[in-house]
Amino acid sequence: MLLRIMKNNLLFSIGIIVCALWILIAIVTVLVPSITPYSYLAQDLANRFQAPSSAHWFGTDSIGRDVFSRVLVGSRISLIAGLITIALASLMGMIYGGIAGYIGGLTDEIMMRISEMVMAFPGIILAMTIAAALGPSLHNTLLAMVIIWWPNYARVMRSMVIANKENEYVEAAKSLGASHFRIFFNEIMPNSLGPVLVLATLDFGNAILLFSGLSFLGLGSPPPTPEWGAMVADGVLNFNYWWIGTFPGLAILTMSVGTNFIGDSLRDFLDPRLRKEI
């Protein structure tokens, strides 16, 4: 399926290449830390605020650390944060919304009102409040992001389950004596994953943006761990030295745009009304 979409959709191909490149960089920096030109923690006060050059491709920051090395290493934190957030939020939301849609009635009403209570708060404000209350750390920030994100998946899955539970294959499974558990997980859930997959792809870039925003405000990974949002914040503090915040900002931009290209293309492919005939 991926090759079919790439053949006919340039934006999807660009998104795949960009995201695959960043994922490869994140994996390589974990497996082979020495691949970066400098240690991301190495300080060189004699060469602080050096502009991009052959020695330091992205320049150096306020304490002489190599920005290029820190951007590469920072990819693994930002990508892992986005992946964990979307994986946990989508899993929680799918099960919650699926159960609500399958049972229906009063149970559905109560469960959906609970999810709407969470959605009533602006996402960034609620995430900031939770992360600040729990204390600035990577784990607390990820928990805050999962809390604000799961209702979106619950609503999408609920609507898909309600639409699919009346189909003929579900009635056939019931007539054969299949249990509710088997009907829900074997028949309904697999046929309801398309829109959730598209939403997860789109949200991956948004999760990286939100995590970077929280790190920008000092609620993400504590220093000196490199993270794109925190590096942009450092660039704001040293605004005259444009390279400090520009390059991590471009990393956030490319990853977010790439995931949006992939999500939009998958949505068009999975929707028969938007799919282009090959």
C-alpha atoms as a PDB file:
ATOM      1  CA  MET A   1       0.000   0.000   0.000  1.00  0.00           C
ATOM      2  CA  LEU A   2       2.805   2.419   0.871  1.00  0.00           C
ATOM      3  CA  LEU A   3       4.509   1.915  -2.486  1.00  0.00           C
ATOM      4  CA  ARG A   4       1.216   2.484  -4.256  1.00  0.00           C
ATOM      5  CA  ILE A   5       0.660   5.795  -2.482  1.00  0.00           C
ATOM      6  CA  MET A   6       4.278   6.928  -2.963  1.00  0.00           C
ATOM      7  CA  LYS A   7       4.027   6.240  -6.683  1.00  0.00           C
ATOM      8  CA  ASN A   8       1.131   8.645  -7.102  1.00  0.00           C
ATOM      9  CA  ASN A   9       1.596  11.174  -4.298  1.00  0.00           C
ATOM     10  CA  LEU A  10       4.702  13.367  -4.139  1.00  0.00           C
ATOM     11  CA  LEU A  11       3.857  14.863  -0.743  1.00  0.00           C
ATOM     12  CA  PHE A  12       3.503  11.408   0.795  1.00  0.00           C
ATOM     13  CA  SER A  13       6.906  10.439  -0.585  1.00  0.00           C
ATOM     14  CA  ILE A  14       8.465  13.600   0.854  1.00  0.00           C
ATOM     15  CA  GLY A  15       6.853  12.958   4.231  1.00  0.00           C
ATOM     16  CA  ILE A  16       8.074   9.351   4.308  1.00  0.00           C
ATOM     17  CA  ILE A  17      11.633  10.374   3.410  1.00  0.00           C
ATOM     18  CA  VAL A  18      11.791  13.183   5.985  1.00  0.00           C
ATOM     19  CA  CYS A  19      10.302  11.118   8.824  1.00  0.00           C
ATOM     20  CA  ALA A  20      12.374   8.055   7.965  1.00  0.00           C
ATOM     21  CA  LEU A  21      15.519  10.185   7.975  1.00  0.00           C
ATOM     22  CA  TRP A  22      14.823  11.605  11.428  1.00  0.00           C
ATOM     23  CA  ILE A  23      13.883   8.182  12.797  1.00  0.00           C
ATOM     24  CA  LEU A  24      17.102   6.733  11.369  1.00  0.00           C
ATOM     25  CA  ILE A  25      19.106   9.557  12.966  1.00  0.00           C
ATOM     26  CA  ALA A  26      17.447   8.927  16.334  1.00  0.00           C
ATOM     27  CA  ILE A  27      18.178   5.193  16.164  1.00  0.00           C
ATOM     28  CA  VAL A  28      21.786   5.672  15.080  1.00  0.00           C
ATOM     29  CA  THR A  29      22.510   8.193  17.856  1.00  0.00           C
ATOM     30  CA  VAL A  30      21.270   5.632  20.384  1.00  0.00           C
ATOM     31  CA  LEU A  31      23.223   2.689  18.956  1.00  0.00           C
ATOM     32  CA  VAL A  32      26.369   4.624  17.983  1.00  0.00           C
ATOM     33  CA  PRO A  33      26.659   7.715  20.230  1.00  0.00           C
ATOM     34  CA  SER A  34      30.120   8.499  18.852  1.00  0.00           C
ATOM     35  CA  ILE A  35      28.683   9.239  15.398  1.00  0.00           C
ATOM     36  CA  THR A  36      28.104  12.891  16.346  1.00  0.00           C
ATOM     37  CA  PRO A  37      31.068  15.211  15.666  1.00  0.00           C
ATOM     38  CA  TYR A  38      31.183  16.293  19.323  1.00  0.00           C
ATOM     39  CA  SER A  39      29.692  15.126  22.585  1.00  0.00           C
ATOM     40  CA  TYR A  40      26.350  16.838  23.123  1.00  0.00           C
ATOM     41  CA  LEU A  41      27.493  17.674  26.668  1.00  0.00           C
ATOM     42  CA  ALA A  42      31.003  18.893  25.822  1.00  0.00           C
ATOM     43  CA  GLN A  43      31.492  22.558  26.767  1.00  0.00           C
ATOM     44  CA  ASP A  44      34.058  24.847  25.165  1.00  0.00           C
ATOM     45  CA  LEU A  45      33.758  28.328  26.646  1.00  0.00           C
ATOM     46  CA  ALA A  46      36.569  29.601  24.449  1.00  0.00           C
ATOM     47  CA  ASN A  47      34.400  28.905  21.382  1.00  0.00           C
ATOM     48  CA  ARG A  48      30.983  29.969  22.637  1.00  0.00           C
ATOM     49  CA  PHE A  49      28.593  31.675  20.197  1.00  0.00           C
ATOM     50  CA  GLN A  50      30.544  30.518  17.167  1.00  0.00           C
ATOM     51  CA  ALA A  51      28.632  30.991  13.907  1.00  0.00           C
ATOM     52  CA  PRO A  52      28.083  27.977  11.589  1.00  0.00           C
ATOM     53  CA  SER A  53      31.353  26.903  10.028  1.00  0.00           C
ATOM     54  CA  SER A  54      33.193  23.830   8.799  1.00  0.00           C
ATOM     55  CA  ALA A  55      34.209  23.073  12.391  1.00  0.00           C
ATOM     56  CA  HIS A  56      30.691  23.498  13.780  1.00  0.00           C
ATOM     57  CA  TRP A  57      28.089  23.085  11.051  1.00  0.00           C
ATOM     58  CA  PHE A  58      25.252  24.579  13.117  1.00  0.00           C
ATOM     59  CA  GLY A  59      27.467  26.799  15.298  1.00  0.00           C
ATOM     60  CA  THR A  60      27.857  26.655  19.069  1.00  0.00           C
ATOM     61  CA  ASP A  61      25.599  27.776  21.908  1.00  0.00           C
ATOM     62  CA  SER A  62      26.121  29.973  24.976  1.00  0.00           C
ATOM     63  CA  ILE A  63      28.527  27.538  26.656  1.00  0.00           C
ATOM     64  CA  GLY A  64      30.295  26.301  23.528  1.00  0.00           C
ATOM     65  CA  ARG A  65      28.338  23.105  22.898  1.00  0.00           C
ATOM     66  CA  ASP A  66      28.018  21.971  19.283  1.00  0.00           C
ATOM     67  CA  VAL A  67      24.455  22.715  18.103  1.00  0.00           C
ATOM     68  CA  PHE A  68      24.597  20.160  15.279  1.00  0.00           C
ATOM     69  CA  SER A  69      25.420  17.320  17.681  1.00  0.00           C
ATOM     70  CA  ARG A  70      22.706  18.437  20.082  1.00  0.00           C
ATOM     71  CA  VAL A  71      20.075  18.606  17.316  1.00  0.00           C
ATOM     72  CA  LEU A  72      20.934  15.059  16.241  1.00  0.00           C
ATOM     73  CA  VAL A  73      20.822  13.672  19.774  1.00  0.00           C
ATOM     74  CA  GLY A  74      17.713  15.717  20.591  1.00  0.00           C
ATOM     75  CA  SER A  75      15.814  13.903  17.846  1.00  0.00           C
ATOM     76  CA  ARG A  76      15.593  10.719  19.895  1.00  0.00           C
ATOM     77  CA  ILE A  77      13.960  12.510  22.833  1.00  0.00           C
ATOM     78  CA  SER A  78      11.432  14.443  20.745  1.00  0.00           C
ATOM     79  CA  LEU A  79      10.520  11.461  18.558  1.00  0.00           C
ATOM     80  CA  ILE A  80      10.222   9.054  21.480  1.00  0.00           C
ATOM     81  CA  ALA A  81       8.069  11.567  23.359  1.00  0.00           C
ATOM     82  CA  GLY A  82       5.740  11.936  20.389  1.00  0.00           C
ATOM     83  CA  LEU A  83       5.596   8.180  19.774  1.00  0.00           C
ATOM     84  CA  ILE A  84       4.873   7.283  23.404  1.00  0.00           C
ATOM     85  CA  THR A  85       2.208   9.964  23.685  1.00  0.00           C
ATOM     86  CA  ILE A  86       0.329   8.901  20.568  1.00  0.00           C
ATOM     87  CA  ALA A  87       0.700   5.166  21.274  1.00  0.00           C
ATOM     88  CA  LEU A  88      -0.679   5.412  24.827  1.00  0.00           C
ATOM     89  CA  ALA A  89      -3.352   8.003  24.016  1.00  0.00           C
ATOM     90  CA  SER A  90      -4.627   6.090  20.976  1.00  0.00           C
ATOM     91  CA  LEU A  91      -4.672   2.750  22.831  1.00  0.00           C
ATOM     92  CA  MET A  92      -6.505   4.229  25.798  1.00  0.00           C
ATOM     93  CA  GLY A  93      -8.912   6.179  23.592  1.00  0.00           C
ATOM     94  CA  MET A  94      -9.673   3.239  21.291  1.00  0.00           C
ATOM     95  CA  ILE A  95     -10.571   0.902  24.141  1.00  0.00           C
ATOM     96  CA  TYR A  96     -12.541   3.560  26.019  1.00  0.00           C
ATOM     97  CA  GLY A  97     -14.454   4.833  22.996  1.00  0.00           C
ATOM     98  CA  GLY A  98     -14.938   1.344  21.592  1.00  0.00           C
ATOM     99  CA  ILE A  99     -16.527   0.096  24.809  1.00  0.00           C
ATOM    100  CA  ALA A 100     -18.766   3.165  25.003  1.00  0.00           C
ATOM    101  CA  GLY A 101     -19.943   2.760  21.426  1.00  0.00           C
ATOM    102  CA  TYR A 102     -20.472  -0.999  21.691  1.00  0.00           C
ATOM    103  CA  ILE A 103     -22.447  -0.934  24.954  1.00  0.00           C
ATOM    104  CA  GLY A 104     -24.385   2.247  24.111  1.00  0.00           C
ATOM    105  CA  GLY A 105     -27.235   3.643  26.178  1.00  0.00           C
ATOM    106  CA  LEU A 106     -26.587   5.278  29.529  1.00  0.00           C
ATOM    107  CA  THR A 107     -23.059   3.876  29.740  1.00  0.00           C
ATOM    108  CA  ASP A 108     -22.187   5.553  26.466  1.00  0.00           C
ATOM    109  CA  GLU A 109     -23.637   8.872  27.645  1.00  0.00           C
ATOM    110  CA  ILE A 110     -21.710   8.866  30.928  1.00  0.00           C
ATOM    111  CA  MET A 111     -18.418   7.823  29.347  1.00  0.00           C
ATOM    112  CA  MET A 112     -18.662  10.442  26.598  1.00  0.00           C
ATOM    113  CA  ARG A 113     -19.535  13.209  29.050  1.00  0.00           C
ATOM    114  CA  ILE A 114     -16.356  12.355  30.974  1.00  0.00           C
ATOM    115  CA  SER A 115     -14.271  12.641  27.801  1.00  0.00           C
ATOM    116  CA  GLU A 116     -15.955  15.938  26.941  1.00  0.00           C
ATOM    117  CA  MET A 117     -15.035  17.296  30.373  1.00  0.00           C
ATOM    118  CA  VAL A 118     -11.370  16.748  29.488  1.00  0.00           C
ATOM    119  CA  MET A 119     -11.824  18.263  26.011  1.00  0.00           C
ATOM    120  CA  ALA A 120     -13.520  21.345  27.474  1.00  0.00           C
ATOM    121  CA  PHE A 121     -10.154  22.654  28.671  1.00  0.00           C
ATOM    122  CA  PRO A 122      -7.688  24.136  26.161  1.00  0.00           C
ATOM    123  CA  GLY A 123      -5.155  21.367  25.550  1.00  0.00           C
ATOM    124  CA  ILE A 124      -1.959  23.364  26.034  1.00  0.00           C
ATOM    125  CA  ILE A 125      -3.285  25.022  29.207  1.00  0.00           C
ATOM    126  CA  LEU A 126      -4.370  21.714  30.730  1.00  0.00           C
ATOM    127  CA  ALA A 127      -1.056  20.081  29.835  1.00  0.00           C
ATOM    128  CA  MET A 128       0.874  22.982  31.370  1.00  0.00           C
ATOM    129  CA  THR A 129      -1.223  22.785  34.540  1.00  0.00           C
ATOM    130  CA  ILE A 130      -0.769  19.033  34.967  1.00  0.00           C
ATOM    131  CA  ALA A 131       2.947  19.092  34.158  1.00  0.00           C
ATOM    132  CA  ALA A 132       3.565  22.042  36.474  1.00  0.00           C
ATOM    133  CA  ALA A 133       1.570  20.443  39.304  1.00  0.00           C
ATOM    134  CA  LEU A 134       3.451  17.140  39.015  1.00  0.00           C
ATOM    135  CA  GLY A 135       6.825  18.817  38.558  1.00  0.00           C
ATOM    136  CA  PRO A 136       8.976  19.352  35.469  1.00  0.00           C
ATOM    137  CA  SER A 137      10.225  16.014  34.169  1.00  0.00           C
ATOM    138  CA  LEU A 138       9.956  13.928  31.023  1.00  0.00           C
ATOM    139  CA  HIS A 139       7.602  11.364  32.573  1.00  0.00           C
ATOM    140  CA  ASN A 140       5.223  13.977  33.987  1.00  0.00           C
ATOM    141  CA  THR A 141       5.120  15.865  30.708  1.00  0.00           C
ATOM    142  CA  LEU A 142       4.294  12.689  28.781  1.00  0.00           C
ATOM    143  CA  LEU A 143       1.556  11.850  31.295  1.00  0.00           C
ATOM    144  CA  ALA A 144       0.054  15.312  30.862  1.00  0.00           C
ATOM    145  CA  MET A 145       0.074  14.941  27.074  1.00  0.00           C
ATOM    146  CA  VAL A 146      -1.618  11.520  27.200  1.00  0.00           C
ATOM    147  CA  ILE A 147      -4.329  12.888  29.496  1.00  0.00           C
ATOM    148  CA  ILE A 148      -5.269  15.672  27.088  1.00  0.00           C
ATOM    149  CA  TRP A 149      -5.015  13.544  23.924  1.00  0.00           C
ATOM    150  CA  TRP A 150      -6.970  10.335  24.570  1.00  0.00           C
ATOM    151  CA  PRO A 151     -10.514  11.831  24.240  1.00  0.00           C
ATOM    152  CA  ASN A 152      -9.933  12.574  20.547  1.00  0.00           C
ATOM    153  CA  TYR A 153      -9.331   8.890  19.838  1.00  0.00           C
ATOM    154  CA  ALA A 154     -12.234   7.868  22.070  1.00  0.00           C
ATOM    155  CA  ARG A 155     -14.691   9.956  20.044  1.00  0.00           C
ATOM    156  CA  VAL A 156     -13.393   8.717  16.692  1.00  0.00           C
ATOM    157  CA  MET A 157     -13.434   5.062  17.766  1.00  0.00           C
ATOM    158  CA  ARG A 158     -16.894   5.391  19.309  1.00  0.00           C
ATOM    159  CA  SER A 159     -18.358   6.718  16.072  1.00  0.00           C
ATOM    160  CA  MET A 160     -16.695   3.950  14.040  1.00  0.00           C
ATOM    161  CA  VAL A 161     -17.897   1.219  16.424  1.00  0.00           C
ATOM    162  CA  ILE A 162     -21.473   2.526  16.353  1.00  0.00           C
ATOM    163  CA  ALA A 163     -21.369   2.465  12.544  1.00  0.00           C
ATOM    164  CA  ASN A 164     -19.791  -0.996  12.309  1.00  0.00           C
ATOM    165  CA  LYS A 165     -21.651  -2.899  15.003  1.00  0.00           C
ATOM    166  CA  GLU A 166     -24.796  -3.043  12.851  1.00  0.00           C
ATOM    167  CA  ASN A 167     -23.022  -4.599   9.849  1.00  0.00           C
ATOM    168  CA  GLU A 168     -23.860  -8.033   8.518  1.00  0.00           C
ATOM    169  CA  TYR A 169     -20.595  -9.671   9.618  1.00  0.00           C
ATOM    170  CA  VAL A 170     -21.333  -8.696  13.222  1.00  0.00           C
ATOM    171  CA  GLU A 171     -24.831 -10.195  12.999  1.00  0.00           C
ATOM    172  CA  ALA A 172     -23.321 -13.332  11.478  1.00  0.00           C
ATOM    173  CA  ALA A 173     -20.852 -13.636  14.364  1.00  0.00           C
ATOM    174  CA  LYS A 174     -23.679 -13.247  16.873  1.00  0.00           C
ATOM    175  CA  SER A 175     -25.739 -15.925  15.143  1.00  0.00           C
ATOM    176  CA  LEU A 176     -22.759 -18.295  15.384  1.00  0.00           C
ATOM    177  CA  GLY A 177     -22.643 -17.782  19.141  1.00  0.00           C
ATOM    178  CA  ALA A 178     -19.527 -15.590  19.332  1.00  0.00           C
ATOM    179  CA  SER A 179     -18.991 -13.839  22.658  1.00  0.00           C
ATOM    180  CA  HIS A 180     -19.168 -10.063  22.995  1.00  0.00           C
ATOM    181  CA  PHE A 181     -15.431 -10.029  23.673  1.00  0.00           C
ATOM    182  CA  ARG A 182     -14.674 -11.838  20.425  1.00  0.00           C
ATOM    183  CA  ILE A 183     -17.101  -9.729  18.410  1.00  0.00           C
ATOM    184  CA  PHE A 184     -15.639  -6.518  19.775  1.00  0.00           C
ATOM    185  CA  PHE A 185     -11.936  -7.339  19.346  1.00  0.00           C
ATOM    186  CA  ASN A 186     -12.054  -9.672  16.325  1.00  0.00           C
ATOM    187  CA  GLU A 187     -14.837  -8.207  14.213  1.00  0.00           C
ATOM    188  CA  ILE A 188     -15.478  -4.563  15.078  1.00  0.00           C
ATOM    189  CA  MET A 189     -12.124  -3.163  16.206  1.00  0.00           C
ATOM    190  CA  PRO A 190     -10.052  -4.245  13.160  1.00  0.00           C
ATOM    191  CA  ASN A 191     -12.625  -2.650  10.836  1.00  0.00           C
ATOM    192  CA  SER A 192     -12.597   0.620  12.788  1.00  0.00           C
ATOM    193  CA  LEU A 193      -8.862   1.356  12.775  1.00  0.00           C
ATOM    194  CA  GLY A 194      -8.582   3.314   9.499  1.00  0.00           C
ATOM    195  CA  PRO A 195      -9.599   6.783  10.768  1.00  0.00           C
ATOM    196  CA  VAL A 196      -7.693   6.197  14.019  1.00  0.00           C
ATOM    197  CA  LEU A 197      -4.523   5.406  12.057  1.00  0.00           C
ATOM    198  CA  VAL A 198      -4.874   8.620  10.054  1.00  0.00           C
ATOM    199  CA  LEU A 199      -5.506  10.649  13.222  1.00  0.00           C
ATOM    200  CA  ALA A 200      -2.481   9.076  14.936  1.00  0.00           C
ATOM    201  CA  THR A 201      -0.251   9.938  11.985  1.00  0.00           C
ATOM    202  CA  LEU A 202      -1.413  13.547  11.978  1.00  0.00           C
ATOM    203  CA  ASP A 203      -1.142  13.794  15.758  1.00  0.00           C
ATOM    204  CA  PHE A 204       2.425  12.489  15.837  1.00  0.00           C
ATOM    205  CA  GLY A 205       3.740  15.788  14.498  1.00  0.00           C
ATOM    206  CA  ASN A 206       1.371  17.725  16.753  1.00  0.00           C
ATOM    207  CA  ALA A 207       2.612  15.764  19.770  1.00  0.00           C
ATOM    208  CA  ILE A 208       6.196  16.711  18.933  1.00  0.00           C
ATOM    209  CA  LEU A 209       5.077  20.338  18.643  1.00  0.00           C
ATOM    210  CA  LEU A 210       3.288  20.220  22.007  1.00  0.00           C
ATOM    211  CA  PHE A 211       6.175  18.480  23.737  1.00  0.00           C
ATOM    212  CA  SER A 212       8.573  21.048  22.288  1.00  0.00           C
ATOM    213  CA  GLY A 213       6.281  23.820  23.491  1.00  0.00           C
ATOM    214  CA  LEU A 214       6.210  22.434  27.013  1.00  0.00           C
ATOM    215  CA  SER A 215       9.983  21.999  26.957  1.00  0.00           C
ATOM    216  CA  PHE A 216      10.260  25.578  25.710  1.00  0.00           C
ATOM    217  CA  LEU A 217       8.452  26.617  28.894  1.00  0.00           C
ATOM    218  CA  GLY A 218      10.771  24.510  31.059  1.00  0.00           C
ATOM    219  CA  LEU A 219       8.343  21.626  31.640  1.00  0.00           C
ATOM    220  CA  GLY A 220      10.103  18.951  29.579  1.00  0.00           C
ATOM    221  CA  SER A 221      13.384  17.151  29.942  1.00  0.00           C
ATOM    222  CA  PRO A 222      15.656  18.850  32.496  1.00  0.00           C
ATOM    223  CA  PRO A 223      18.970  20.290  31.260  1.00  0.00           C
ATOM    224  CA  PRO A 224      21.542  19.465  30.061  1.00  0.00           C
ATOM    225  CA  THR A 225      19.603  16.836  28.071  1.00  0.00           C
ATOM    226  CA  PRO A 226      19.201  18.167  24.519  1.00  0.00           C
ATOM    227  CA  GLU A 227      15.604  18.590  23.360  1.00  0.00           C
ATOM    228  CA  TRP A 228      14.445  20.637  20.396  1.00  0.00           C
ATOM    229  CA  GLY A 229      11.971  22.820  22.301  1.00  0.00           C
ATOM    230  CA  ALA A 230      14.439  23.606  25.073  1.00  0.00           C
ATOM    231  CA  MET A 231      17.085  24.437  22.460  1.00  0.00           C
ATOM    232  CA  VAL A 232      14.691  26.892  20.804  1.00  0.00           C
ATOM    233  CA  ALA A 233      14.125  28.476  24.216  1.00  0.00           C
ATOM    234  CA  ASP A 234      17.893  28.847  24.587  1.00  0.00           C
ATOM    235  CA  GLY A 235      17.924  30.509  21.171  1.00  0.00           C
ATOM    236  CA  VAL A 236      15.315  33.022  22.310  1.00  0.00           C
ATOM    237  CA  LEU A 237      17.468  33.937  25.290  1.00  0.00           C
ATOM    238  CA  ASN A 238      20.357  34.518  22.879  1.00  0.00           C
ATOM    239  CA  PHE A 239      18.341  36.014  20.047  1.00  0.00           C
ATOM    240  CA  ASN A 240      21.258  37.774  18.375  1.00  0.00           C
ATOM    241  CA  TYR A 241      22.879  34.407  17.701  1.00  0.00           C
ATOM    242  CA  TRP A 242      20.249  33.140  15.265  1.00  0.00           C
ATOM    243  CA  TRP A 243      21.669  29.663  14.723  1.00  0.00           C
ATOM    244  CA  ILE A 244      21.066  28.501  18.307  1.00  0.00           C
ATOM    245  CA  GLY A 245      17.282  28.430  17.913  1.00  0.00           C
ATOM    246  CA  THR A 246      16.920  28.244  14.125  1.00  0.00           C
ATOM    247  CA  PHE A 247      18.260  24.746  13.509  1.00  0.00           C
ATOM    248  CA  PRO A 248      16.281  22.932  16.247  1.00  0.00           C
ATOM    249  CA  GLY A 249      13.265  24.944  15.108  1.00  0.00           C
ATOM    250  CA  LEU A 250      13.771  23.681  11.554  1.00  0.00           C
ATOM    251  CA  ALA A 251      13.994  20.131  12.906  1.00  0.00           C
ATOM    252  CA  ILE A 252      10.604  20.548  14.590  1.00  0.00           C
ATOM    253  CA  LEU A 253       9.182  22.089  11.414  1.00  0.00           C
ATOM    254  CA  THR A 254      10.392  19.347   9.070  1.00  0.00           C
ATOM    255  CA  MET A 255       9.155  16.535  11.311  1.00  0.00           C
ATOM    256  CA  SER A 256       5.739  18.146  11.813  1.00  0.00           C
ATOM    257  CA  VAL A 257       5.263  18.908   8.119  1.00  0.00           C
ATOM    258  CA  GLY A 258       6.423  15.411   7.157  1.00  0.00           C
ATOM    259  CA  THR A 259       3.904  13.675   9.427  1.00  0.00           C
ATOM    260  CA  ASN A 260       1.125  15.942   8.162  1.00  0.00           C
ATOM    261  CA  PHE A 261       1.993  15.030   4.562  1.00  0.00           C
ATOM    262  CA  ILE A 262       1.761  11.340   5.483  1.00  0.00           C
ATOM    263  CA  GLY A 263      -1.495  11.742   7.406  1.00  0.00           C
ATOM    264  CA  ASP A 264      -3.221  13.740   4.676  1.00  0.00           C
ATOM    265  CA  SER A 265      -2.162  11.235   2.031  1.00  0.00           C
ATOM    266  CA  LEU A 266      -3.351   8.256   4.091  1.00  0.00           C
ATOM    267  CA  ARG A 267      -6.684   9.966   4.681  1.00  0.00           C
ATOM    268  CA  ASP A 268      -7.137  10.516   0.940  1.00  0.00           C
ATOM    269  CA  PHE A 269      -6.173   6.917   0.199  1.00  0.00           C
ATOM    270  CA  LEU A 270      -8.448   5.341   2.812  1.00  0.00           C
ATOM    271  CA  ASP A 271     -11.449   7.514   1.890  1.00  0.00           C
ATOM    272  CA  PRO A 272     -13.073   6.099  -1.288  1.00  0.00           C
ATOM    273  CA  ARG A 273     -14.469   9.544  -2.113  1.00  0.00           C
ATOM    274  CA  LEU A 274     -10.998  11.085  -2.161  1.00  0.00           C
ATOM    275  CA  ARG A 275      -8.958   8.145  -3.462  1.00  0.00           C
ATOM    276  CA  LYS A 276      -7.444   8.596  -6.874  1.00  0.00           C
ATOM    277  CA  GLU A 277      -7.764   5.694  -9.252  1.00  0.00           C
ATOM    278  CA  ILE A 278      -4.461   4.229 -10.340  1.00  0.00           C
END
